[in-house]
Amino acid sequence: MPQQQLLEKVIQVLENNQIDYMITGSTVSSLQGEPRSTHDIDIVVLIQQSSVASLIKAFPLPQYYLSEESVRDAINRKSMFNLLDTTEGDKVDFWLLTNDAFDTSRFARKYEEDAFGFKMKVSAAEDTILSKLKWAKLSGGSEKQFKDALRVYELQYSLLDKDYLETWAHELNVQNLYERIKQEANPV
């Protein structure tokens, strides 16, 4: 199943089971900035133990691999679990919504986007930028993550809440990377 079809199926399953979600990562930075290929889809979810059985049932073997134990453990630890499409090799990383202030803020700011022929809830551009900067820092200075953030900044420049970006760049301790974006950017 091609990645866009996998994404659409995952969204349908989440919505059918009233599991709130937000698409993040390279899928969204490709929509808001410069498209690039990726083999994983990142989704922040607010899921309860009561939804696990229906989630597992929606993604059966052999086409998918989804460990019930991993899902339950991730819910308990507020961590993450994976869904693998065994035919295409694509992966969905489900990140549990945490009580972290930034996590809570960005989840509250998600909006609905029409892309690939269907609607989905995605992170706001500012939060996409900040998340990419956070990942760039955590990965020791990933230029790929930085470039994703830079392209979103450039293409969304006129719509961005600069005060929000400044505040959270400081809070997340990525202000040096944010300053670099402002210096290198060529807004469209």
C-alpha atoms as a PDB file:
ATOM      1  CA  MET A   1       0.000   0.000   0.000  1.00  0.00           C
ATOM      2  CA  PRO A   2       1.561   3.326  -1.011  1.00  0.00           C
ATOM      3  CA  GLN A   3       2.366   5.694   1.850  1.00  0.00           C
ATOM      4  CA  GLN A   4      -0.479   8.140   1.145  1.00  0.00           C
ATOM      5  CA  GLN A   5      -2.984   5.275   1.203  1.00  0.00           C
ATOM      6  CA  LEU A   6      -1.490   4.027   4.466  1.00  0.00           C
ATOM      7  CA  LEU A   7      -1.817   7.522   5.926  1.00  0.00           C
ATOM      8  CA  GLU A   8      -5.445   7.746   4.795  1.00  0.00           C
ATOM      9  CA  LYS A   9      -6.229   4.316   6.298  1.00  0.00           C
ATOM     10  CA  VAL A  10      -4.595   5.224   9.608  1.00  0.00           C
ATOM     11  CA  ILE A  11      -6.554   8.486   9.795  1.00  0.00           C
ATOM     12  CA  GLN A  12      -9.820   6.667   9.037  1.00  0.00           C
ATOM     13  CA  VAL A  13      -9.123   4.107  11.766  1.00  0.00           C
ATOM     14  CA  LEU A  14      -8.251   6.818  14.295  1.00  0.00           C
ATOM     15  CA  GLU A  15     -11.331   8.875  13.462  1.00  0.00           C
ATOM     16  CA  ASN A  16     -13.640   5.837  13.451  1.00  0.00           C
ATOM     17  CA  ASN A  17     -12.400   5.017  16.957  1.00  0.00           C
ATOM     18  CA  GLN A  18     -12.582   8.632  18.235  1.00  0.00           C
ATOM     19  CA  ILE A  19      -8.813   8.715  18.797  1.00  0.00           C
ATOM     20  CA  ASP A  20      -7.643  12.319  18.598  1.00  0.00           C
ATOM     21  CA  TYR A  21      -4.458  12.759  16.571  1.00  0.00           C
ATOM     22  CA  MET A  22      -2.090  15.200  14.886  1.00  0.00           C
ATOM     23  CA  ILE A  23       0.184  14.439  11.921  1.00  0.00           C
ATOM     24  CA  THR A  24       3.696  15.816  12.467  1.00  0.00           C
ATOM     25  CA  GLY A  25       7.238  15.256  11.231  1.00  0.00           C
ATOM     26  CA  SER A  26       8.379  15.137   7.635  1.00  0.00           C
ATOM     27  CA  THR A  27       4.891  14.456   6.289  1.00  0.00           C
ATOM     28  CA  VAL A  28       3.758  17.863   7.534  1.00  0.00           C
ATOM     29  CA  SER A  29       7.010  19.717   6.844  1.00  0.00           C
ATOM     30  CA  SER A  30       6.666  18.464   3.253  1.00  0.00           C
ATOM     31  CA  LEU A  31       3.165  19.994   3.075  1.00  0.00           C
ATOM     32  CA  GLN A  32       4.172  23.280   4.708  1.00  0.00           C
ATOM     33  CA  GLY A  33       7.669  23.560   3.276  1.00  0.00           C
ATOM     34  CA  GLU A  34       9.741  21.585   0.773  1.00  0.00           C
ATOM     35  CA  PRO A  35       8.560  18.070  -0.112  1.00  0.00           C
ATOM     36  CA  ARG A  36      10.938  15.214   0.585  1.00  0.00           C
ATOM     37  CA  SER A  37      10.529  11.475   0.759  1.00  0.00           C
ATOM     38  CA  THR A  38      10.368   9.661   4.056  1.00  0.00           C
ATOM     39  CA  HIS A  39       9.574   6.076   5.036  1.00  0.00           C
ATOM     40  CA  ASP A  40       7.839   6.968   8.261  1.00  0.00           C
ATOM     41  CA  ILE A  41       4.744   8.877   9.222  1.00  0.00           C
ATOM     42  CA  ASP A  42       4.763  10.592  12.617  1.00  0.00           C
ATOM     43  CA  ILE A  43       1.463  10.951  14.466  1.00  0.00           C
ATOM     44  CA  VAL A  44       0.826  12.276  17.967  1.00  0.00           C
ATOM     45  CA  VAL A  45      -2.173  10.449  19.456  1.00  0.00           C
ATOM     46  CA  LEU A  46      -4.375  10.679  22.512  1.00  0.00           C
ATOM     47  CA  ILE A  47      -5.340   7.042  22.956  1.00  0.00           C
ATOM     48  CA  GLN A  48      -6.775   5.001  25.817  1.00  0.00           C
ATOM     49  CA  GLN A  49      -6.360   1.313  26.629  1.00  0.00           C
ATOM     50  CA  SER A  50     -10.014   0.786  25.647  1.00  0.00           C
ATOM     51  CA  SER A  51      -9.145   1.564  21.998  1.00  0.00           C
ATOM     52  CA  VAL A  52      -6.260  -0.893  21.648  1.00  0.00           C
ATOM     53  CA  ALA A  53      -8.251  -3.951  20.542  1.00  0.00           C
ATOM     54  CA  SER A  54      -9.992  -2.080  17.706  1.00  0.00           C
ATOM     55  CA  LEU A  55      -6.675  -0.582  16.605  1.00  0.00           C
ATOM     56  CA  ILE A  56      -5.031  -4.023  16.480  1.00  0.00           C
ATOM     57  CA  LYS A  57      -8.029  -5.475  14.605  1.00  0.00           C
ATOM     58  CA  ALA A  58      -7.829  -2.719  11.961  1.00  0.00           C
ATOM     59  CA  PHE A  59      -4.217  -3.614  11.069  1.00  0.00           C
ATOM     60  CA  PRO A  60      -4.023  -7.425  10.839  1.00  0.00           C
ATOM     61  CA  LEU A  61      -1.123  -9.666   9.910  1.00  0.00           C
ATOM     62  CA  PRO A  62       0.328 -10.407   7.403  1.00  0.00           C
ATOM     63  CA  GLN A  63      -0.049  -6.999   5.733  1.00  0.00           C
ATOM     64  CA  TYR A  64       0.701  -5.110   8.956  1.00  0.00           C
ATOM     65  CA  TYR A  65       2.673  -5.632  12.089  1.00  0.00           C
ATOM     66  CA  LEU A  66       1.323  -3.927  15.210  1.00  0.00           C
ATOM     67  CA  SER A  67       2.214  -5.353  18.615  1.00  0.00           C
ATOM     68  CA  GLU A  68      -0.604  -5.131  21.149  1.00  0.00           C
ATOM     69  CA  GLU A  69       1.951  -5.350  23.956  1.00  0.00           C
ATOM     70  CA  SER A  70       3.912  -2.406  22.509  1.00  0.00           C
ATOM     71  CA  VAL A  71       0.767  -0.299  22.141  1.00  0.00           C
ATOM     72  CA  ARG A  72      -0.342  -0.982  25.727  1.00  0.00           C
ATOM     73  CA  ASP A  73       3.156  -0.333  27.058  1.00  0.00           C
ATOM     74  CA  ALA A  74       3.406   2.949  25.128  1.00  0.00           C
ATOM     75  CA  ILE A  75       0.082   4.115  26.555  1.00  0.00           C
ATOM     76  CA  ASN A  76       1.231   3.305  30.090  1.00  0.00           C
ATOM     77  CA  ARG A  77       4.603   5.020  29.639  1.00  0.00           C
ATOM     78  CA  LYS A  78       3.386   7.898  27.393  1.00  0.00           C
ATOM     79  CA  SER A  79       6.014   6.890  24.846  1.00  0.00           C
ATOM     80  CA  MET A  80       5.638   5.596  21.282  1.00  0.00           C
ATOM     81  CA  PHE A  81       4.806   2.512  19.247  1.00  0.00           C
ATOM     82  CA  ASN A  82       5.114   1.543  15.559  1.00  0.00           C
ATOM     83  CA  LEU A  83       2.871   0.184  12.874  1.00  0.00           C
ATOM     84  CA  LEU A  84       4.687  -1.502   9.990  1.00  0.00           C
ATOM     85  CA  ASP A  85       3.293  -2.038   6.513  1.00  0.00           C
ATOM     86  CA  THR A  86       5.014  -5.331   5.732  1.00  0.00           C
ATOM     87  CA  THR A  87       4.378  -5.121   1.974  1.00  0.00           C
ATOM     88  CA  GLU A  88       5.788  -1.624   1.335  1.00  0.00           C
ATOM     89  CA  GLY A  89       8.155  -1.250   4.291  1.00  0.00           C
ATOM     90  CA  ASP A  90       6.553   1.996   5.437  1.00  0.00           C
ATOM     91  CA  LYS A  91       6.258   2.729   9.141  1.00  0.00           C
ATOM     92  CA  VAL A  92       3.926   4.815  11.248  1.00  0.00           C
ATOM     93  CA  ASP A  93       5.364   6.141  14.506  1.00  0.00           C
ATOM     94  CA  PHE A  94       2.594   6.823  17.012  1.00  0.00           C
ATOM     95  CA  TRP A  95       3.767   9.239  19.709  1.00  0.00           C
ATOM     96  CA  LEU A  96       1.567   9.378  22.789  1.00  0.00           C
ATOM     97  CA  LEU A  97       0.508  12.863  23.816  1.00  0.00           C
ATOM     98  CA  THR A  98       2.373  13.766  26.989  1.00  0.00           C
ATOM     99  CA  ASN A  99       1.778  16.377  29.671  1.00  0.00           C
ATOM    100  CA  ASP A 100       4.827  18.327  28.469  1.00  0.00           C
ATOM    101  CA  ALA A 101       3.892  22.011  28.017  1.00  0.00           C
ATOM    102  CA  PHE A 102       5.070  22.181  24.392  1.00  0.00           C
ATOM    103  CA  ASP A 103       3.416  18.873  23.513  1.00  0.00           C
ATOM    104  CA  THR A 104       0.134  20.107  24.999  1.00  0.00           C
ATOM    105  CA  SER A 105       0.415  23.496  23.275  1.00  0.00           C
ATOM    106  CA  ARG A 106       1.120  22.126  19.808  1.00  0.00           C
ATOM    107  CA  PHE A 107      -1.610  19.505  20.074  1.00  0.00           C
ATOM    108  CA  ALA A 108      -4.126  22.214  20.991  1.00  0.00           C
ATOM    109  CA  ARG A 109      -3.024  24.306  17.952  1.00  0.00           C
ATOM    110  CA  LYS A 110      -3.463  21.574  15.303  1.00  0.00           C
ATOM    111  CA  TYR A 111      -5.679  22.362  12.349  1.00  0.00           C
ATOM    112  CA  GLU A 112      -7.358  20.457   9.549  1.00  0.00           C
ATOM    113  CA  GLU A 113      -5.577  20.360   6.199  1.00  0.00           C
ATOM    114  CA  ASP A 114      -6.844  18.964   2.908  1.00  0.00           C
ATOM    115  CA  ALA A 115      -3.934  17.105   1.328  1.00  0.00           C
ATOM    116  CA  PHE A 116      -3.521  14.047  -0.909  1.00  0.00           C
ATOM    117  CA  GLY A 117      -7.282  14.146  -1.512  1.00  0.00           C
ATOM    118  CA  PHE A 118      -8.395  13.752   2.108  1.00  0.00           C
ATOM    119  CA  LYS A 119      -8.574  15.778   5.314  1.00  0.00           C
ATOM    120  CA  MET A 120      -6.197  15.338   8.214  1.00  0.00           C
ATOM    121  CA  LYS A 121      -5.290  17.119  11.437  1.00  0.00           C
ATOM    122  CA  VAL A 122      -1.756  18.539  11.228  1.00  0.00           C
ATOM    123  CA  SER A 123       0.571  20.543  13.438  1.00  0.00           C
ATOM    124  CA  ALA A 124       0.632  24.313  12.978  1.00  0.00           C
ATOM    125  CA  ALA A 125       3.587  25.610  10.942  1.00  0.00           C
ATOM    126  CA  GLU A 126       5.211  27.223  14.003  1.00  0.00           C
ATOM    127  CA  ASP A 127       5.062  23.911  15.854  1.00  0.00           C
ATOM    128  CA  THR A 128       6.445  22.051  12.854  1.00  0.00           C
ATOM    129  CA  ILE A 129       9.417  24.449  12.818  1.00  0.00           C
ATOM    130  CA  LEU A 130       9.990  24.168  16.566  1.00  0.00           C
ATOM    131  CA  SER A 131       9.694  20.375  16.552  1.00  0.00           C
ATOM    132  CA  LYS A 132      12.174  20.100  13.687  1.00  0.00           C
ATOM    133  CA  LEU A 133      14.600  22.367  15.561  1.00  0.00           C
ATOM    134  CA  LYS A 134      14.153  20.276  18.693  1.00  0.00           C
ATOM    135  CA  TRP A 135      14.921  17.092  16.726  1.00  0.00           C
ATOM    136  CA  ALA A 136      17.882  18.773  15.028  1.00  0.00           C
ATOM    137  CA  LYS A 137      19.341  19.584  18.439  1.00  0.00           C
ATOM    138  CA  LEU A 138      18.573  16.140  19.910  1.00  0.00           C
ATOM    139  CA  SER A 139      20.234  14.418  16.962  1.00  0.00           C
ATOM    140  CA  GLY A 140      23.437  16.408  17.340  1.00  0.00           C
ATOM    141  CA  GLY A 141      22.779  19.017  14.668  1.00  0.00           C
ATOM    142  CA  SER A 142      20.898  17.207  11.900  1.00  0.00           C
ATOM    143  CA  GLU A 143      21.017  19.380   8.793  1.00  0.00           C
ATOM    144  CA  LYS A 144      18.051  17.477   7.316  1.00  0.00           C
ATOM    145  CA  GLN A 145      15.857  18.483  10.296  1.00  0.00           C
ATOM    146  CA  PHE A 146      17.192  22.039  10.205  1.00  0.00           C
ATOM    147  CA  LYS A 147      16.552  22.352   6.456  1.00  0.00           C
ATOM    148  CA  ASP A 148      12.975  21.093   6.921  1.00  0.00           C
ATOM    149  CA  ALA A 149      12.414  23.810   9.551  1.00  0.00           C
ATOM    150  CA  LEU A 150      14.041  26.454   7.368  1.00  0.00           C
ATOM    151  CA  ARG A 151      11.857  25.625   4.343  1.00  0.00           C
ATOM    152  CA  VAL A 152       8.654  25.741   6.413  1.00  0.00           C
ATOM    153  CA  TYR A 153       9.777  29.099   7.840  1.00  0.00           C
ATOM    154  CA  GLU A 154      10.468  30.466   4.364  1.00  0.00           C
ATOM    155  CA  LEU A 155       7.250  29.271   2.736  1.00  0.00           C
ATOM    156  CA  GLN A 156       4.956  30.108   5.661  1.00  0.00           C
ATOM    157  CA  TYR A 157       6.762  33.309   6.698  1.00  0.00           C
ATOM    158  CA  SER A 158       3.909  35.795   6.224  1.00  0.00           C
ATOM    159  CA  LEU A 159       1.513  33.607   8.230  1.00  0.00           C
ATOM    160  CA  LEU A 160       3.804  32.761  11.155  1.00  0.00           C
ATOM    161  CA  ASP A 161       3.251  33.921  14.734  1.00  0.00           C
ATOM    162  CA  LYS A 162       6.788  35.201  15.354  1.00  0.00           C
ATOM    163  CA  ASP A 163       6.143  35.874  19.065  1.00  0.00           C
ATOM    164  CA  TYR A 164       5.062  32.270  19.558  1.00  0.00           C
ATOM    165  CA  LEU A 165       8.202  31.079  17.759  1.00  0.00           C
ATOM    166  CA  GLU A 166      10.474  33.310  19.867  1.00  0.00           C
ATOM    167  CA  THR A 167       8.848  32.237  23.135  1.00  0.00           C
ATOM    168  CA  TRP A 168       8.999  28.517  22.451  1.00  0.00           C
ATOM    169  CA  ALA A 169      12.464  28.625  20.858  1.00  0.00           C
ATOM    170  CA  HIS A 170      13.671  30.007  24.202  1.00  0.00           C
ATOM    171  CA  GLU A 171      11.622  27.493  26.241  1.00  0.00           C
ATOM    172  CA  LEU A 172      12.891  24.562  24.165  1.00  0.00           C
ATOM    173  CA  ASN A 173      16.459  25.884  24.270  1.00  0.00           C
ATOM    174  CA  VAL A 174      16.727  25.977  20.465  1.00  0.00           C
ATOM    175  CA  GLN A 175      17.032  29.756  20.159  1.00  0.00           C
ATOM    176  CA  ASN A 176      20.471  29.498  18.505  1.00  0.00           C
ATOM    177  CA  LEU A 177      18.980  27.310  15.746  1.00  0.00           C
ATOM    178  CA  TYR A 178      16.008  29.656  15.419  1.00  0.00           C
ATOM    179  CA  GLU A 179      18.378  32.629  15.081  1.00  0.00           C
ATOM    180  CA  ARG A 180      20.234  30.710  12.373  1.00  0.00           C
ATOM    181  CA  ILE A 181      16.935  30.186  10.512  1.00  0.00           C
ATOM    182  CA  LYS A 182      16.176  33.912  10.639  1.00  0.00           C
ATOM    183  CA  GLN A 183      19.656  34.686   9.257  1.00  0.00           C
ATOM    184  CA  GLU A 184      19.591  32.091   6.464  1.00  0.00           C
ATOM    185  CA  ALA A 185      15.947  32.367   5.401  1.00  0.00           C
ATOM    186  CA  ASN A 186      14.833  33.802   2.082  1.00  0.00           C
ATOM    187  CA  PRO A 187      11.091  34.165   2.733  1.00  0.00           C
ATOM    188  CA  VAL A 188       8.807  33.636  -0.242  1.00  0.00           C
END
